Amino acid sequence: MRRISPNLDMLKRALRVKVCADCPRRPPGSECLGCDAPRTCEAHCPIFVHLPQIKAIGERVDTMIASRERVLRGVMDHIREVHDRRAAPRLDRGTERSVLRPAQSNKVARVVDRLMGC
């Protein structure tokens, strides 16, 4: 039996709980918002900008051949590299950081995989 894939709103809510909670670029005061409320940073966040493509790739992975989480980690690594090249290094709390951290990429892959898992 094939499981129905989660919609984008379900993915966004899960990502806000698991990934956005630790994001250094989270807008001040947004920790008081529920997971249903979009953050102002989502319009520029690589995770949310590319979420439709991430979801589509996750749906196409044949888990008999490859691990969905591993494939999604590769996709997230590619997105991070593209955005790192595009954006000038920014100072974040006194240190240079990439637009999308590797730990965030891994969390995204894990969250999407679990929601799409059977």
C-alpha atoms as a PDB file:
ATOM      1  CA  MET A   1       0.000   0.000   0.000  1.00  0.00           C
ATOM      2  CA  ARG A   2       1.362   3.405  -0.973  1.00  0.00           C
ATOM      3  CA  ARG A   3       1.262   6.140   1.617  1.00  0.00           C
ATOM      4  CA  ILE A   4      -0.070   9.567   0.648  1.00  0.00           C
ATOM      5  CA  SER A   5       2.698  12.143   0.503  1.00  0.00           C
ATOM      6  CA  PRO A   6       2.502  15.077   2.922  1.00  0.00           C
ATOM      7  CA  ASN A   7       1.517  18.414   1.430  1.00  0.00           C
ATOM      8  CA  LEU A   8       3.743  21.497   1.531  1.00  0.00           C
ATOM      9  CA  ASP A   9       1.929  22.971   4.538  1.00  0.00           C
ATOM     10  CA  MET A  10       2.616  19.842   6.583  1.00  0.00           C
ATOM     11  CA  LEU A  11       6.287  19.979   5.608  1.00  0.00           C
ATOM     12  CA  LYS A  12       6.522  23.679   6.466  1.00  0.00           C
ATOM     13  CA  ARG A  13       5.006  23.142   9.917  1.00  0.00           C
ATOM     14  CA  ALA A  14       7.409  20.287  10.671  1.00  0.00           C
ATOM     15  CA  LEU A  15      10.410  22.288   9.447  1.00  0.00           C
ATOM     16  CA  ARG A  16       9.443  25.293  11.581  1.00  0.00           C
ATOM     17  CA  VAL A  17       9.447  23.048  14.646  1.00  0.00           C
ATOM     18  CA  LYS A  18      12.600  21.040  13.925  1.00  0.00           C
ATOM     19  CA  VAL A  19      14.834  23.324  11.834  1.00  0.00           C
ATOM     20  CA  CYS A  20      13.772  26.928  12.403  1.00  0.00           C
ATOM     21  CA  ALA A  21      13.923  26.599  16.191  1.00  0.00           C
ATOM     22  CA  ASP A  22      17.756  26.492  16.036  1.00  0.00           C
ATOM     23  CA  CYS A  23      18.257  28.897  13.125  1.00  0.00           C
ATOM     24  CA  PRO A  24      20.516  31.884  13.911  1.00  0.00           C
ATOM     25  CA  ARG A  25      18.638  33.963  11.325  1.00  0.00           C
ATOM     26  CA  ARG A  26      15.258  33.470  12.965  1.00  0.00           C
ATOM     27  CA  PRO A  27      13.514  36.852  13.393  1.00  0.00           C
ATOM     28  CA  PRO A  28      13.400  38.168  16.959  1.00  0.00           C
ATOM     29  CA  GLY A  29      10.197  37.201  18.729  1.00  0.00           C
ATOM     30  CA  SER A  30       9.332  34.433  16.262  1.00  0.00           C
ATOM     31  CA  GLU A  31       9.873  31.773  18.926  1.00  0.00           C
ATOM     32  CA  CYS A  32       6.507  32.846  20.331  1.00  0.00           C
ATOM     33  CA  LEU A  33       4.733  32.007  17.065  1.00  0.00           C
ATOM     34  CA  GLY A  34       3.161  28.614  16.543  1.00  0.00           C
ATOM     35  CA  CYS A  35       4.241  26.238  13.808  1.00  0.00           C
ATOM     36  CA  ASP A  36       1.306  27.349  11.635  1.00  0.00           C
ATOM     37  CA  ALA A  37       2.515  30.952  11.430  1.00  0.00           C
ATOM     38  CA  PRO A  38       4.995  31.700   8.635  1.00  0.00           C
ATOM     39  CA  ARG A  39       8.138  33.633   9.580  1.00  0.00           C
ATOM     40  CA  THR A  40       9.269  36.736   7.704  1.00  0.00           C
ATOM     41  CA  CYS A  41      12.577  35.032   6.853  1.00  0.00           C
ATOM     42  CA  GLU A  42      10.911  32.197   4.889  1.00  0.00           C
ATOM     43  CA  ALA A  43      10.708  34.247   1.683  1.00  0.00           C
ATOM     44  CA  HIS A  44      14.530  34.256   1.476  1.00  0.00           C
ATOM     45  CA  CYS A  45      15.360  30.993   3.241  1.00  0.00           C
ATOM     46  CA  PRO A  46      16.878  28.397   0.865  1.00  0.00           C
ATOM     47  CA  ILE A  47      14.952  25.637   2.640  1.00  0.00           C
ATOM     48  CA  PHE A  48      11.543  27.190   2.067  1.00  0.00           C
ATOM     49  CA  VAL A  49      12.389  28.571  -1.386  1.00  0.00           C
ATOM     50  CA  HIS A  50      13.337  25.088  -2.614  1.00  0.00           C
ATOM     51  CA  LEU A  51      10.799  23.098  -0.595  1.00  0.00           C
ATOM     52  CA  PRO A  52       8.589  22.216  -3.600  1.00  0.00           C
ATOM     53  CA  GLN A  53      11.618  20.737  -5.397  1.00  0.00           C
ATOM     54  CA  ILE A  54      12.811  18.949  -2.245  1.00  0.00           C
ATOM     55  CA  LYS A  55       9.359  17.433  -1.817  1.00  0.00           C
ATOM     56  CA  ALA A  56       9.191  16.367  -5.474  1.00  0.00           C
ATOM     57  CA  ILE A  57      12.579  14.656  -5.301  1.00  0.00           C
ATOM     58  CA  GLY A  58      11.633  12.938  -2.044  1.00  0.00           C
ATOM     59  CA  GLU A  59       8.483  11.576  -3.682  1.00  0.00           C
ATOM     60  CA  ARG A  60      10.439  10.129  -6.615  1.00  0.00           C
ATOM     61  CA  VAL A  61      13.084   8.248  -4.633  1.00  0.00           C
ATOM     62  CA  ASP A  62      12.738   4.503  -4.932  1.00  0.00           C
ATOM     63  CA  THR A  63      13.561   3.372  -1.394  1.00  0.00           C
ATOM     64  CA  MET A  64      14.326  -0.135  -2.665  1.00  0.00           C
ATOM     65  CA  ILE A  65      17.324   1.343  -4.485  1.00  0.00           C
ATOM     66  CA  ALA A  66      18.426   4.288  -2.352  1.00  0.00           C
ATOM     67  CA  SER A  67      17.818   5.772   1.058  1.00  0.00           C
ATOM     68  CA  ARG A  68      15.490   8.761   0.762  1.00  0.00           C
ATOM     69  CA  GLU A  69      17.296  10.548   3.582  1.00  0.00           C
ATOM     70  CA  ARG A  70      20.692  10.057   1.879  1.00  0.00           C
ATOM     71  CA  VAL A  71      19.348  11.362  -1.438  1.00  0.00           C
ATOM     72  CA  LEU A  72      17.768  14.369   0.283  1.00  0.00           C
ATOM     73  CA  ARG A  73      21.022  15.101   2.127  1.00  0.00           C
ATOM     74  CA  GLY A  74      22.761  15.250  -1.244  1.00  0.00           C
ATOM     75  CA  VAL A  75      20.070  17.591  -2.562  1.00  0.00           C
ATOM     76  CA  MET A  76      20.407  19.806   0.500  1.00  0.00           C
ATOM     77  CA  ASP A  77      24.208  19.843   0.180  1.00  0.00           C
ATOM     78  CA  HIS A  78      23.831  20.987  -3.421  1.00  0.00           C
ATOM     79  CA  ILE A  79      21.362  23.718  -2.429  1.00  0.00           C
ATOM     80  CA  ARG A  80      23.734  24.871   0.321  1.00  0.00           C
ATOM     81  CA  GLU A  81      26.683  25.020  -2.104  1.00  0.00           C
ATOM     82  CA  VAL A  82      24.686  27.011  -4.657  1.00  0.00           C
ATOM     83  CA  HIS A  83      23.496  29.516  -2.074  1.00  0.00           C
ATOM     84  CA  ASP A  84      26.962  29.787  -0.495  1.00  0.00           C
ATOM     85  CA  ARG A  85      28.437  30.714  -3.884  1.00  0.00           C
ATOM     86  CA  ARG A  86      25.663  33.189  -4.599  1.00  0.00           C
ATOM     87  CA  ALA A  87      25.688  35.004  -1.260  1.00  0.00           C
ATOM     88  CA  ALA A  88      28.552  37.064   0.044  1.00  0.00           C
ATOM     89  CA  PRO A  89      29.809  35.846   3.412  1.00  0.00           C
ATOM     90  CA  ARG A  90      27.734  37.451   6.148  1.00  0.00           C
ATOM     91  CA  LEU A  91      28.677  38.135   9.696  1.00  0.00           C
ATOM     92  CA  ASP A  92      26.415  36.342  12.126  1.00  0.00           C
ATOM     93  CA  ARG A  93      27.008  36.944  15.804  1.00  0.00           C
ATOM     94  CA  GLY A  94      30.635  37.798  15.187  1.00  0.00           C
ATOM     95  CA  THR A  95      31.542  34.852  12.950  1.00  0.00           C
ATOM     96  CA  GLU A  96      31.217  34.144   9.259  1.00  0.00           C
ATOM     97  CA  ARG A  97      28.571  31.536   8.531  1.00  0.00           C
ATOM     98  CA  SER A  98      27.079  30.124   5.400  1.00  0.00           C
ATOM     99  CA  VAL A  99      23.509  30.884   4.423  1.00  0.00           C
ATOM    100  CA  LEU A 100      22.488  27.307   5.195  1.00  0.00           C
ATOM    101  CA  ARG A 101      24.413  25.293   7.790  1.00  0.00           C
ATOM    102  CA  PRO A 102      25.208  21.577   7.270  1.00  0.00           C
ATOM    103  CA  ALA A 103      23.308  20.666  10.449  1.00  0.00           C
ATOM    104  CA  GLN A 104      20.213  22.379   9.034  1.00  0.00           C
ATOM    105  CA  SER A 105      20.596  20.468   5.762  1.00  0.00           C
ATOM    106  CA  ASN A 106      20.713  17.179   7.630  1.00  0.00           C
ATOM    107  CA  LYS A 107      17.664  18.076   9.718  1.00  0.00           C
ATOM    108  CA  VAL A 108      15.682  18.985   6.601  1.00  0.00           C
ATOM    109  CA  ALA A 109      16.555  15.643   4.991  1.00  0.00           C
ATOM    110  CA  ARG A 110      15.580  13.774   8.166  1.00  0.00           C
ATOM    111  CA  VAL A 111      12.260  15.629   8.614  1.00  0.00           C
ATOM    112  CA  VAL A 112      11.184  15.222   4.990  1.00  0.00           C
ATOM    113  CA  ASP A 113      12.207  11.546   4.984  1.00  0.00           C
ATOM    114  CA  ARG A 114      10.241  10.794   8.153  1.00  0.00           C
ATOM    115  CA  LEU A 115       7.117  12.530   6.890  1.00  0.00           C
ATOM    116  CA  MET A 116       7.284  10.671   3.583  1.00  0.00           C
ATOM    117  CA  GLY A 117       8.281   7.333   5.103  1.00  0.00           C
ATOM    118  CA  CYS A 118       5.975   4.329   5.094  1.00  0.00           C
END
